[in-house]
């Protein structure tokens, strides 16, 4: 299996896992976990930002991001999302960090 790839070793499997996780699994848990977000694109922002260590669109040139991001980074985003679903990663903390990176980026862009 390629590092960061899905269970069958393919990028396609990893992309399917990403879409299921961010489009179904995490939104279904949001209310019960009292998470600050519930929409798929919010989970995607949080997890992609965490995986790249900053605002994801500075590291991924094309959209949709999950199709164009480095496979290892997509694997890290999926791992983080799975950890949030399992309760071993704090989604609220990841969200706060994502928003802080974005505030910082806006301040830099405003200069």
PDB file of N, CA and C in Angstrom:
ATOM      1  N   UNK A   1       0.849  -1.195   0.000  1.00  0.00           N
ATOM      2  CA  UNK A   1       0.000   0.000   0.000  1.00  0.00           C
ATOM      3  C   UNK A   1       0.878   1.236   0.000  1.00  0.00           C
ATOM      4  N   UNK A   2       0.544   2.207  -0.823  1.00  0.00           N
ATOM      5  CA  UNK A   2       1.251   3.479  -0.884  1.00  0.00           C
ATOM      6  C   UNK A   2       0.996   4.270   0.385  1.00  0.00           C
ATOM      7  N   UNK A   3       2.040   4.920   0.903  1.00  0.00           N
ATOM      8  CA  UNK A   3       1.870   5.732   2.115  1.00  0.00           C
ATOM      9  C   UNK A   3       0.780   6.762   1.886  1.00  0.00           C
ATOM     10  N   UNK A   4      -0.164   6.825   2.794  1.00  0.00           N
ATOM     11  CA  UNK A   4      -1.236   7.805   2.696  1.00  0.00           C
ATOM     12  C   UNK A   4      -2.402   7.378   1.822  1.00  0.00           C
ATOM     13  N   UNK A   5      -2.271   6.247   1.130  1.00  0.00           N
ATOM     14  CA  UNK A   5      -3.356   5.797   0.265  1.00  0.00           C
ATOM     15  C   UNK A   5      -4.404   5.051   1.073  1.00  0.00           C
ATOM     16  N   UNK A   6      -5.500   4.753   0.435  1.00  0.00           N
ATOM     17  CA  UNK A   6      -6.591   4.062   1.099  1.00  0.00           C
ATOM     18  C   UNK A   6      -6.279   2.595   1.353  1.00  0.00           C
ATOM     19  N   UNK A   7      -7.211   1.888   1.965  1.00  0.00           N
ATOM     20  CA  UNK A   7      -6.988   0.500   2.352  1.00  0.00           C
ATOM     21  C   UNK A   7      -6.616  -0.404   1.182  1.00  0.00           C
ATOM     22  N   UNK A   8      -7.116  -0.114  -0.006  1.00  0.00           N
ATOM     23  CA  UNK A   8      -6.756  -0.950  -1.151  1.00  0.00           C
ATOM     24  C   UNK A   8      -5.528  -0.411  -1.883  1.00  0.00           C
ATOM     25  N   UNK A   9      -4.860   0.588  -1.287  1.00  0.00           N
ATOM     26  CA  UNK A   9      -3.636   1.125  -1.861  1.00  0.00           C
ATOM     27  C   UNK A   9      -3.851   2.214  -2.895  1.00  0.00           C
ATOM     28  N   UNK A  10      -5.095   2.602  -3.150  1.00  0.00           N
ATOM     29  CA  UNK A  10      -5.345   3.575  -4.204  1.00  0.00           C
ATOM     30  C   UNK A  10      -5.725   4.942  -3.656  1.00  0.00           C
ATOM     31  N   UNK A  11      -5.368   5.947  -4.420  1.00  0.00           N
ATOM     32  CA  UNK A  11      -5.799   7.304  -4.086  1.00  0.00           C
ATOM     33  C   UNK A  11      -7.325   7.395  -4.134  1.00  0.00           C
ATOM     34  N   UNK A  12      -7.922   6.695  -5.079  1.00  0.00           N
ATOM     35  CA  UNK A  12      -9.375   6.718  -5.212  1.00  0.00           C
ATOM     36  C   UNK A  12     -10.047   6.236  -3.927  1.00  0.00           C
ATOM     37  N   UNK A  13      -9.496   5.214  -3.301  1.00  0.00           N
ATOM     38  CA  UNK A  13     -10.069   4.713  -2.045  1.00  0.00           C
ATOM     39  C   UNK A  13      -9.936   5.755  -0.947  1.00  0.00           C
ATOM     40  N   UNK A  14      -8.819   6.457  -0.923  1.00  0.00           N
ATOM     41  CA  UNK A  14      -8.616   7.509   0.070  1.00  0.00           C
ATOM     42  C   UNK A  14      -9.602   8.653  -0.169  1.00  0.00           C
ATOM     43  N   UNK A  15      -9.824   9.013  -1.424  1.00  0.00           N
ATOM     44  CA  UNK A  15     -10.797  10.060  -1.741  1.00  0.00           C
ATOM     45  C   UNK A  15     -12.209   9.642  -1.338  1.00  0.00           C
ATOM     46  N   UNK A  16     -12.559   8.384  -1.555  1.00  0.00           N
ATOM     47  CA  UNK A  16     -13.883   7.901  -1.130  1.00  0.00           C
ATOM     48  C   UNK A  16     -14.020   7.978   0.387  1.00  0.00           C
ATOM     49  N   UNK A  17     -12.962   7.604   1.092  1.00  0.00           N
ATOM     50  CA  UNK A  17     -12.981   7.686   2.563  1.00  0.00           C
ATOM     51  C   UNK A  17     -13.156   9.129   3.008  1.00  0.00           C
ATOM     52  N   UNK A  18     -12.487  10.060   2.333  1.00  0.00           N
ATOM     53  CA  UNK A  18     -12.578  11.488   2.644  1.00  0.00           C
ATOM     54  C   UNK A  18     -14.008  11.987   2.486  1.00  0.00           C
ATOM     55  N   UNK A  19     -14.616  11.662   1.362  1.00  0.00           N
ATOM     56  CA  UNK A  19     -15.970  12.131   1.089  1.00  0.00           C
ATOM     57  C   UNK A  19     -16.978  11.535   2.074  1.00  0.00           C
ATOM     58  N   UNK A  20     -16.832  10.281   2.427  1.00  0.00           N
ATOM     59  CA  UNK A  20     -17.721   9.648   3.405  1.00  0.00           C
ATOM     60  C   UNK A  20     -17.529  10.294   4.777  1.00  0.00           C
ATOM     61  N   UNK A  21     -16.291  10.484   5.159  1.00  0.00           N
ATOM     62  CA  UNK A  21     -15.971  11.050   6.466  1.00  0.00           C
ATOM     63  C   UNK A  21     -16.498  12.470   6.603  1.00  0.00           C
ATOM     64  N   UNK A  22     -16.195  13.326   5.629  1.00  0.00           N
ATOM     65  CA  UNK A  22     -16.576  14.734   5.742  1.00  0.00           C
ATOM     66  C   UNK A  22     -18.010  15.014   5.322  1.00  0.00           C
ATOM     67  N   UNK A  23     -18.579  14.150   4.502  1.00  0.00           N
ATOM     68  CA  UNK A  23     -19.933  14.380   4.022  1.00  0.00           C
ATOM     69  C   UNK A  23     -21.012  13.666   4.798  1.00  0.00           C
ATOM     70  N   UNK A  24     -20.625  12.593   5.513  1.00  0.00           N
ATOM     71  CA  UNK A  24     -21.623  11.786   6.206  1.00  0.00           C
ATOM     72  C   UNK A  24     -21.264  11.604   7.685  1.00  0.00           C
ATOM     73  N   UNK A  25     -20.122  10.997   7.945  1.00  0.00           N
ATOM     74  CA  UNK A  25     -19.767  10.602   9.313  1.00  0.00           C
ATOM     75  C   UNK A  25     -19.676  11.785  10.266  1.00  0.00           C
ATOM     76  N   UNK A  26     -18.847  12.767   9.939  1.00  0.00           N
ATOM     77  CA  UNK A  26     -18.655  13.895  10.856  1.00  0.00           C
ATOM     78  C   UNK A  26     -19.912  14.760  10.986  1.00  0.00           C
ATOM     79  N   UNK A  27     -20.601  15.089   9.893  1.00  0.00           N
ATOM     80  CA  UNK A  27     -21.841  15.854  10.066  1.00  0.00           C
ATOM     81  C   UNK A  27     -22.868  15.124  10.942  1.00  0.00           C
ATOM     82  N   UNK A  28     -22.920  13.794  10.855  1.00  0.00           N
ATOM     83  CA  UNK A  28     -23.869  13.036  11.671  1.00  0.00           C
ATOM     84  C   UNK A  28     -23.520  13.095  13.160  1.00  0.00           C
ATOM     85  N   UNK A  29     -22.247  13.291  13.482  1.00  0.00           N
ATOM     86  CA  UNK A  29     -21.808  13.353  14.878  1.00  0.00           C
ATOM     87  C   UNK A  29     -21.863  14.761  15.463  1.00  0.00           C
ATOM     88  N   UNK A  30     -21.970  15.758  14.628  1.00  0.00           N
ATOM     89  CA  UNK A  30     -21.788  17.156  15.043  1.00  0.00           C
ATOM     90  C   UNK A  30     -22.694  17.582  16.189  1.00  0.00           C
ATOM     91  N   UNK A  31     -23.962  17.340  16.098  1.00  0.00           N
ATOM     92  CA  UNK A  31     -24.893  17.813  17.132  1.00  0.00           C
ATOM     93  C   UNK A  31     -24.644  17.111  18.466  1.00  0.00           C
ATOM     94  N   UNK A  32     -24.475  15.796  18.414  1.00  0.00           N
ATOM     95  CA  UNK A  32     -24.260  15.038  19.652  1.00  0.00           C
ATOM     96  C   UNK A  32     -22.946  15.414  20.336  1.00  0.00           C
ATOM     97  N   UNK A  33     -21.955  15.807  19.546  1.00  0.00           N
ATOM     98  CA  UNK A  33     -20.647  16.167  20.100  1.00  0.00           C
ATOM     99  C   UNK A  33     -20.553  17.651  20.436  1.00  0.00           C
ATOM    100  N   UNK A  34     -21.595  18.418  20.112  1.00  0.00           N
ATOM    101  CA  UNK A  34     -21.609  19.861  20.334  1.00  0.00           C
ATOM    102  C   UNK A  34     -20.433  20.549  19.642  1.00  0.00           C
ATOM    103  N   UNK A  35     -20.158  20.111  18.416  1.00  0.00           N
ATOM    104  CA  UNK A  35     -19.078  20.704  17.640  1.00  0.00           C
ATOM    105  C   UNK A  35     -19.493  22.071  17.119  1.00  0.00           C
ATOM    106  N   UNK A  36     -18.530  22.960  16.895  1.00  0.00           N
ATOM    107  CA  UNK A  36     -18.849  24.316  16.432  1.00  0.00           C
ATOM    108  C   UNK A  36     -19.254  24.375  14.960  1.00  0.00           C
ATOM    109  N   UNK A  37     -19.126  23.267  14.231  1.00  0.00           N
ATOM    110  CA  UNK A  37     -19.477  23.221  12.802  1.00  0.00           C
ATOM    111  C   UNK A  37     -20.296  21.961  12.542  1.00  0.00           C
ATOM    112  N   UNK A  38     -21.048  21.993  11.433  1.00  0.00           N
ATOM    113  CA  UNK A  38     -21.801  20.795  11.064  1.00  0.00           C
ATOM    114  C   UNK A  38     -21.828  20.551   9.557  1.00  0.00           C
ATOM    115  N   UNK A  39     -21.368  21.502   8.771  1.00  0.00           N
ATOM    116  CA  UNK A  39     -21.407  21.379   7.312  1.00  0.00           C
ATOM    117  C   UNK A  39     -20.149  20.694   6.782  1.00  0.00           C
ATOM    118  N   UNK A  40     -20.324  19.932   5.723  1.00  0.00           N
ATOM    119  CA  UNK A  40     -19.209  19.181   5.149  1.00  0.00           C
ATOM    120  C   UNK A  40     -18.015  20.063   4.805  1.00  0.00           C
ATOM    121  N   UNK A  41     -18.269  21.229   4.193  1.00  0.00           N
ATOM    122  CA  UNK A  41     -17.155  22.092   3.786  1.00  0.00           C
ATOM    123  C   UNK A  41     -16.392  22.647   4.985  1.00  0.00           C
ATOM    124  N   UNK A  42     -17.056  22.779   6.126  1.00  0.00           N
ATOM    125  CA  UNK A  42     -16.360  23.235   7.336  1.00  0.00           C
ATOM    126  C   UNK A  42     -15.416  22.153   7.850  1.00  0.00           C
ATOM    127  N   UNK A  43     -15.883  20.905   7.867  1.00  0.00           N
ATOM    128  CA  UNK A  43     -14.997  19.806   8.266  1.00  0.00           C
ATOM    129  C   UNK A  43     -13.813  19.718   7.303  1.00  0.00           C
ATOM    130  N   UNK A  44     -14.075  19.892   6.032  1.00  0.00           N
ATOM    131  CA  UNK A  44     -13.000  19.834   5.042  1.00  0.00           C
ATOM    132  C   UNK A  44     -11.978  20.940   5.285  1.00  0.00           C
ATOM    133  N   UNK A  45     -12.442  22.151   5.558  1.00  0.00           N
ATOM    134  CA  UNK A  45     -11.531  23.267   5.850  1.00  0.00           C
ATOM    135  C   UNK A  45     -10.659  22.940   7.054  1.00  0.00           C
ATOM    136  N   UNK A  46     -11.283  22.520   8.130  1.00  0.00           N
ATOM    137  CA  UNK A  46     -10.563  22.253   9.373  1.00  0.00           C
ATOM    138  C   UNK A  46      -9.502  21.173   9.166  1.00  0.00           C
ATOM    139  N   UNK A  47      -9.897  20.070   8.556  1.00  0.00           N
ATOM    140  CA  UNK A  47      -8.980  18.935   8.412  1.00  0.00           C
ATOM    141  C   UNK A  47      -7.883  19.203   7.398  1.00  0.00           C
ATOM    142  N   UNK A  48      -8.219  19.867   6.298  1.00  0.00           N
ATOM    143  CA  UNK A  48      -7.183  20.193   5.315  1.00  0.00           C
ATOM    144  C   UNK A  48      -6.190  21.208   5.876  1.00  0.00           C
ATOM    145  N   UNK A  49      -6.692  22.222   6.580  1.00  0.00           N
ATOM    146  CA  UNK A  49      -5.792  23.199   7.203  1.00  0.00           C
ATOM    147  C   UNK A  49      -4.855  22.500   8.177  1.00  0.00           C
ATOM    148  N   UNK A  50      -5.385  21.614   9.002  1.00  0.00           N
ATOM    149  CA  UNK A  50      -4.556  20.898   9.980  1.00  0.00           C
ATOM    150  C   UNK A  50      -3.513  20.028   9.285  1.00  0.00           C
ATOM    151  N   UNK A  51      -3.908  19.391   8.200  1.00  0.00           N
ATOM    152  CA  UNK A  51      -2.985  18.505   7.485  1.00  0.00           C
ATOM    153  C   UNK A  51      -1.824  19.272   6.861  1.00  0.00           C
ATOM    154  N   UNK A  52      -2.100  20.467   6.319  1.00  0.00           N
ATOM    155  CA  UNK A  52      -1.031  21.228   5.665  1.00  0.00           C
ATOM    156  C   UNK A  52      -0.317  22.173   6.627  1.00  0.00           C
ATOM    157  N   UNK A  53      -0.878  22.365   7.824  1.00  0.00           N
ATOM    158  CA  UNK A  53      -0.251  23.252   8.810  1.00  0.00           C
ATOM    159  C   UNK A  53      -0.449  24.724   8.511  1.00  0.00           C
ATOM    160  N   UNK A  54      -1.573  25.045   7.914  1.00  0.00           N
ATOM    161  CA  UNK A  54      -1.909  26.427   7.573  1.00  0.00           C
ATOM    162  C   UNK A  54      -3.139  26.436   6.685  1.00  0.00           C
ATOM    163  N   UNK A  55      -3.372  27.548   6.049  1.00  0.00           N
ATOM    164  CA  UNK A  55      -4.536  27.664   5.165  1.00  0.00           C
ATOM    165  C   UNK A  55      -4.307  26.760   3.951  1.00  0.00           C
ATOM    166  N   UNK A  56      -5.190  25.795   3.752  1.00  0.00           N
ATOM    167  CA  UNK A  56      -4.945  24.752   2.753  1.00  0.00           C
ATOM    168  C   UNK A  56      -4.754  25.282   1.344  1.00  0.00           C
ATOM    169  N   UNK A  57      -5.453  26.341   0.982  1.00  0.00           N
ATOM    170  CA  UNK A  57      -5.354  26.789  -0.407  1.00  0.00           C
ATOM    171  C   UNK A  57      -4.032  27.460  -0.730  1.00  0.00           C
ATOM    172  N   UNK A  58      -3.184  27.675   0.256  1.00  0.00           N
ATOM    173  CA  UNK A  58      -1.820  28.130  -0.044  1.00  0.00           C
ATOM    174  C   UNK A  58      -0.929  26.947  -0.423  1.00  0.00           C
ATOM    175  N   UNK A  59      -1.378  25.725  -0.129  1.00  0.00           N
ATOM    176  CA  UNK A  59      -0.596  24.524  -0.421  1.00  0.00           C
ATOM    177  C   UNK A  59      -1.178  23.691  -1.560  1.00  0.00           C
ATOM    178  N   UNK A  60      -2.421  23.969  -1.937  1.00  0.00           N
ATOM    179  CA  UNK A  60      -3.097  23.184  -2.974  1.00  0.00           C
ATOM    180  C   UNK A  60      -3.556  24.148  -4.059  1.00  0.00           C
ATOM    181  N   UNK A  61      -3.001  23.981  -5.239  1.00  0.00           N
ATOM    182  CA  UNK A  61      -3.230  24.960  -6.303  1.00  0.00           C
ATOM    183  C   UNK A  61      -4.607  24.857  -6.961  1.00  0.00           C
ATOM    184  N   UNK A  62      -5.165  23.655  -7.017  1.00  0.00           N
ATOM    185  CA  UNK A  62      -6.411  23.475  -7.762  1.00  0.00           C
ATOM    186  C   UNK A  62      -7.504  22.913  -6.878  1.00  0.00           C
ATOM    187  N   UNK A  63      -8.722  23.034  -7.352  1.00  0.00           N
ATOM    188  CA  UNK A  63      -9.875  22.528  -6.640  1.00  0.00           C
ATOM    189  C   UNK A  63     -10.587  21.480  -7.488  1.00  0.00           C
ATOM    190  N   UNK A  64     -11.250  20.541  -6.879  1.00  0.00           N
ATOM    191  CA  UNK A  64     -11.417  20.382  -5.441  1.00  0.00           C
ATOM    192  C   UNK A  64     -10.115  19.926  -4.786  1.00  0.00           C
ATOM    193  N   UNK A  65      -9.895  20.395  -3.593  1.00  0.00           N
ATOM    194  CA  UNK A  65      -8.628  20.155  -2.893  1.00  0.00           C
ATOM    195  C   UNK A  65      -8.337  18.666  -2.727  1.00  0.00           C
ATOM    196  N   UNK A  66      -9.346  17.884  -2.371  1.00  0.00           N
ATOM    197  CA  UNK A  66      -9.082  16.467  -2.113  1.00  0.00           C
ATOM    198  C   UNK A  66      -8.580  15.728  -3.351  1.00  0.00           C
ATOM    199  N   UNK A  67      -8.871  16.237  -4.520  1.00  0.00           N
ATOM    200  CA  UNK A  67      -8.398  15.619  -5.758  1.00  0.00           C
ATOM    201  C   UNK A  67      -6.976  16.043  -6.120  1.00  0.00           C
ATOM    202  N   UNK A  68      -6.529  17.184  -5.596  1.00  0.00           N
ATOM    203  CA  UNK A  68      -5.250  17.747  -6.031  1.00  0.00           C
ATOM    204  C   UNK A  68      -4.202  17.837  -4.935  1.00  0.00           C
ATOM    205  N   UNK A  69      -4.571  17.603  -3.706  1.00  0.00           N
ATOM    206  CA  UNK A  69      -3.623  17.653  -2.601  1.00  0.00           C
ATOM    207  C   UNK A  69      -2.694  16.434  -2.677  1.00  0.00           C
ATOM    208  N   UNK A  70      -1.498  16.581  -2.172  1.00  0.00           N
ATOM    209  CA  UNK A  70      -0.571  15.468  -2.081  1.00  0.00           C
ATOM    210  C   UNK A  70      -1.253  14.315  -1.337  1.00  0.00           C
ATOM    211  N   UNK A  71      -1.074  13.107  -1.805  1.00  0.00           N
ATOM    212  CA  UNK A  71      -1.759  11.956  -1.226  1.00  0.00           C
ATOM    213  C   UNK A  71      -1.408  11.769   0.254  1.00  0.00           C
ATOM    214  N   UNK A  72      -0.183  12.053   0.641  1.00  0.00           N
ATOM    215  CA  UNK A  72       0.191  11.916   2.058  1.00  0.00           C
ATOM    216  C   UNK A  72      -0.561  12.926   2.919  1.00  0.00           C
ATOM    217  N   UNK A  73      -0.752  14.141   2.406  1.00  0.00           N
ATOM    218  CA  UNK A  73      -1.502  15.150   3.149  1.00  0.00           C
ATOM    219  C   UNK A  73      -2.985  14.793   3.223  1.00  0.00           C
ATOM    220  N   UNK A  74      -3.520  14.240   2.154  1.00  0.00           N
ATOM    221  CA  UNK A  74      -4.912  13.777   2.203  1.00  0.00           C
ATOM    222  C   UNK A  74      -5.039  12.653   3.225  1.00  0.00           C
ATOM    223  N   UNK A  75      -4.072  11.775   3.248  1.00  0.00           N
ATOM    224  CA  UNK A  75      -4.075  10.707   4.241  1.00  0.00           C
ATOM    225  C   UNK A  75      -4.053  11.249   5.656  1.00  0.00           C
ATOM    226  N   UNK A  76      -3.271  12.301   5.890  1.00  0.00           N
ATOM    227  CA  UNK A  76      -3.218  12.923   7.214  1.00  0.00           C
ATOM    228  C   UNK A  76      -4.559  13.570   7.550  1.00  0.00           C
ATOM    229  N   UNK A  77      -5.185  14.224   6.590  1.00  0.00           N
ATOM    230  CA  UNK A  77      -6.500  14.839   6.831  1.00  0.00           C
ATOM    231  C   UNK A  77      -7.534  13.774   7.175  1.00  0.00           C
ATOM    232  N   UNK A  78      -7.510  12.664   6.477  1.00  0.00           N
ATOM    233  CA  UNK A  78      -8.437  11.562   6.772  1.00  0.00           C
ATOM    234  C   UNK A  78      -8.148  11.014   8.169  1.00  0.00           C
ATOM    235  N   UNK A  79      -6.874  10.821   8.500  1.00  0.00           N
ATOM    236  CA  UNK A  79      -6.504  10.308   9.816  1.00  0.00           C
ATOM    237  C   UNK A  79      -7.024  11.227  10.921  1.00  0.00           C
ATOM    238  N   UNK A  80      -6.864  12.534  10.732  1.00  0.00           N
ATOM    239  CA  UNK A  80      -7.362  13.491  11.722  1.00  0.00           C
ATOM    240  C   UNK A  80      -8.882  13.429  11.850  1.00  0.00           C
ATOM    241  N   UNK A  81      -9.566  13.312  10.738  1.00  0.00           N
ATOM    242  CA  UNK A  81     -11.016  13.209  10.768  1.00  0.00           C
ATOM    243  C   UNK A  81     -11.481  11.934  11.457  1.00  0.00           C
ATOM    244  N   UNK A  82     -10.789  10.852  11.196  1.00  0.00           N
ATOM    245  CA  UNK A  82     -11.128   9.595  11.861  1.00  0.00           C
ATOM    246  C   UNK A  82     -10.873   9.700  13.364  1.00  0.00           C
ATOM    247  N   UNK A  83      -9.797  10.381  13.728  1.00  0.00           N
ATOM    248  CA  UNK A  83      -9.494  10.581  15.146  1.00  0.00           C
ATOM    249  C   UNK A  83     -10.565  11.440  15.813  1.00  0.00           C
ATOM    250  N   UNK A  84     -11.043  12.461  15.111  1.00  0.00           N
ATOM    251  CA  UNK A  84     -12.129  13.289  15.662  1.00  0.00           C
ATOM    252  C   UNK A  84     -13.391  12.448  15.841  1.00  0.00           C
ATOM    253  N   UNK A  85     -13.696  11.616  14.861  1.00  0.00           N
ATOM    254  CA  UNK A  85     -14.876  10.754  14.958  1.00  0.00           C
ATOM    255  C   UNK A  85     -14.744   9.771  16.120  1.00  0.00           C
ATOM    256  N   UNK A  86     -13.533   9.301  16.353  1.00  0.00           N
ATOM    257  CA  UNK A  86     -13.291   8.344  17.434  1.00  0.00           C
ATOM    258  C   UNK A  86     -13.198   9.016  18.804  1.00  0.00           C
ATOM    259  N   UNK A  87     -13.094  10.347  18.803  1.00  0.00           N
ATOM    260  CA  UNK A  87     -12.997  11.080  20.060  1.00  0.00           C
ATOM    261  C   UNK A  87     -11.576  11.274  20.559  1.00  0.00           C
ATOM    262  N   UNK A  88     -10.582  10.942  19.743  1.00  0.00           N
ATOM    263  CA  UNK A  88      -9.194  11.097  20.173  1.00  0.00           C
ATOM    264  C   UNK A  88      -8.522  12.353  19.625  1.00  0.00           C
ATOM    265  N   UNK A  89      -9.232  13.123  18.825  1.00  0.00           N
ATOM    266  CA  UNK A  89      -8.762  14.437  18.372  1.00  0.00           C
ATOM    267  C   UNK A  89      -9.865  15.438  18.680  1.00  0.00           C
ATOM    268  N   UNK A  90      -9.485  16.608  19.136  1.00  0.00           N
ATOM    269  CA  UNK A  90     -10.451  17.636  19.542  1.00  0.00           C
ATOM    270  C   UNK A  90     -10.782  18.527  18.350  1.00  0.00           C
ATOM    271  N   UNK A  91     -11.946  18.307  17.771  1.00  0.00           N
ATOM    272  CA  UNK A  91     -12.337  19.057  16.588  1.00  0.00           C
ATOM    273  C   UNK A  91     -12.462  20.547  16.878  1.00  0.00           C
ATOM    274  N   UNK A  92     -12.939  20.910  18.043  1.00  0.00           N
ATOM    275  CA  UNK A  92     -13.081  22.329  18.384  1.00  0.00           C
ATOM    276  C   UNK A  92     -11.714  23.014  18.416  1.00  0.00           C
ATOM    277  N   UNK A  93     -10.711  22.338  18.937  1.00  0.00           N
ATOM    278  CA  UNK A  93      -9.356  22.896  18.956  1.00  0.00           C
ATOM    279  C   UNK A  93      -8.806  23.017  17.538  1.00  0.00           C
ATOM    280  N   UNK A  94      -9.025  21.989  16.721  1.00  0.00           N
ATOM    281  CA  UNK A  94      -8.582  22.053  15.321  1.00  0.00           C
ATOM    282  C   UNK A  94      -9.277  23.207  14.593  1.00  0.00           C
ATOM    283  N   UNK A  95     -10.550  23.426  14.881  1.00  0.00           N
ATOM    284  CA  UNK A  95     -11.289  24.530  14.266  1.00  0.00           C
ATOM    285  C   UNK A  95     -10.703  25.876  14.692  1.00  0.00           C
ATOM    286  N   UNK A  96     -10.429  26.034  15.980  1.00  0.00           N
ATOM    287  CA  UNK A  96      -9.849  27.306  16.450  1.00  0.00           C
ATOM    288  C   UNK A  96      -8.515  27.585  15.767  1.00  0.00           C
ATOM    289  N   UNK A  97      -7.691  26.544  15.612  1.00  0.00           N
ATOM    290  CA  UNK A  97      -6.396  26.734  14.945  1.00  0.00           C
ATOM    291  C   UNK A  97      -6.592  27.121  13.482  1.00  0.00           C
ATOM    292  N   UNK A  98      -7.520  26.459  12.811  1.00  0.00           N
ATOM    293  CA  UNK A  98      -7.816  26.773  11.416  1.00  0.00           C
ATOM    294  C   UNK A  98      -8.241  28.235  11.274  1.00  0.00           C
ATOM    295  N   UNK A  99      -9.135  28.673  12.138  1.00  0.00           N
ATOM    296  CA  UNK A  99      -9.606  30.059  12.083  1.00  0.00           C
ATOM    297  C   UNK A  99      -8.480  31.043  12.396  1.00  0.00           C
ATOM    298  N   UNK A 100      -7.591  30.699  13.307  1.00  0.00           N
ATOM    299  CA  UNK A 100      -6.448  31.568  13.623  1.00  0.00           C
ATOM    300  C   UNK A 100      -5.525  31.705  12.415  1.00  0.00           C
ATOM    301  N   UNK A 101      -5.250  30.598  11.721  1.00  0.00           N
ATOM    302  CA  UNK A 101      -4.425  30.674  10.511  1.00  0.00           C
ATOM    303  C   UNK A 101      -5.080  31.570   9.478  1.00  0.00           C
ATOM    304  N   UNK A 102      -6.380  31.487   9.359  1.00  0.00           N
ATOM    305  CA  UNK A 102      -7.097  32.290   8.371  1.00  0.00           C
ATOM    306  C   UNK A 102      -7.122  33.769   8.751  1.00  0.00           C
ATOM    307  N   UNK A 103      -7.268  34.073  10.030  1.00  0.00           N
ATOM    308  CA  UNK A 103      -7.182  35.477  10.469  1.00  0.00           C
ATOM    309  C   UNK A 103      -5.798  36.037  10.178  1.00  0.00           C
ATOM    310  N   UNK A 104      -4.787  35.258  10.460  1.00  0.00           N
ATOM    311  CA  UNK A 104      -3.419  35.686  10.205  1.00  0.00           C
ATOM    312  C   UNK A 104      -3.184  35.922   8.721  1.00  0.00           C
ATOM    313  N   UNK A 105      -3.682  35.023   7.884  1.00  0.00           N
ATOM    314  CA  UNK A 105      -3.541  35.166   6.434  1.00  0.00           C
ATOM    315  C   UNK A 105      -4.235  36.426   5.952  1.00  0.00           C
ATOM    316  N   UNK A 106      -5.409  36.734   6.493  1.00  0.00           N
ATOM    317  CA  UNK A 106      -6.120  37.956   6.091  1.00  0.00           C
ATOM    318  C   UNK A 106      -5.336  39.204   6.465  1.00  0.00           C
ATOM    319  N   UNK A 107      -4.718  39.189   7.657  1.00  0.00           N
ATOM    320  CA  UNK A 107      -3.911  40.349   8.075  1.00  0.00           C
ATOM    321  C   UNK A 107      -2.723  40.544   7.145  1.00  0.00           C
ATOM    322  N   UNK A 108      -2.097  39.458   6.749  1.00  0.00           N
ATOM    323  CA  UNK A 108      -0.953  39.535   5.837  1.00  0.00           C
ATOM    324  C   UNK A 108      -1.412  40.049   4.473  1.00  0.00           C
ATOM    325  N   UNK A 109      -2.549  39.534   3.974  1.00  0.00           N
ATOM    326  CA  UNK A 109      -3.081  39.968   2.674  1.00  0.00           C
ATOM    327  C   UNK A 109      -3.478  41.444   2.685  1.00  0.00           C
ATOM    328  N   UNK A 110      -3.876  41.958   3.842  1.00  0.00           N
ATOM    329  CA  UNK A 110      -4.333  43.347   3.945  1.00  0.00           C
ATOM    330  C   UNK A 110      -3.176  44.338   3.922  1.00  0.00           C
ATOM    331  N   UNK A 111      -1.977  43.865   4.110  1.00  0.00           N
ATOM    332  CA  UNK A 111      -0.809  44.782   4.123  1.00  0.00           C
ATOM    333  C   UNK A 111      -0.469  45.314   2.762  1.00  0.00           C
TER     334      UNK A 111
END
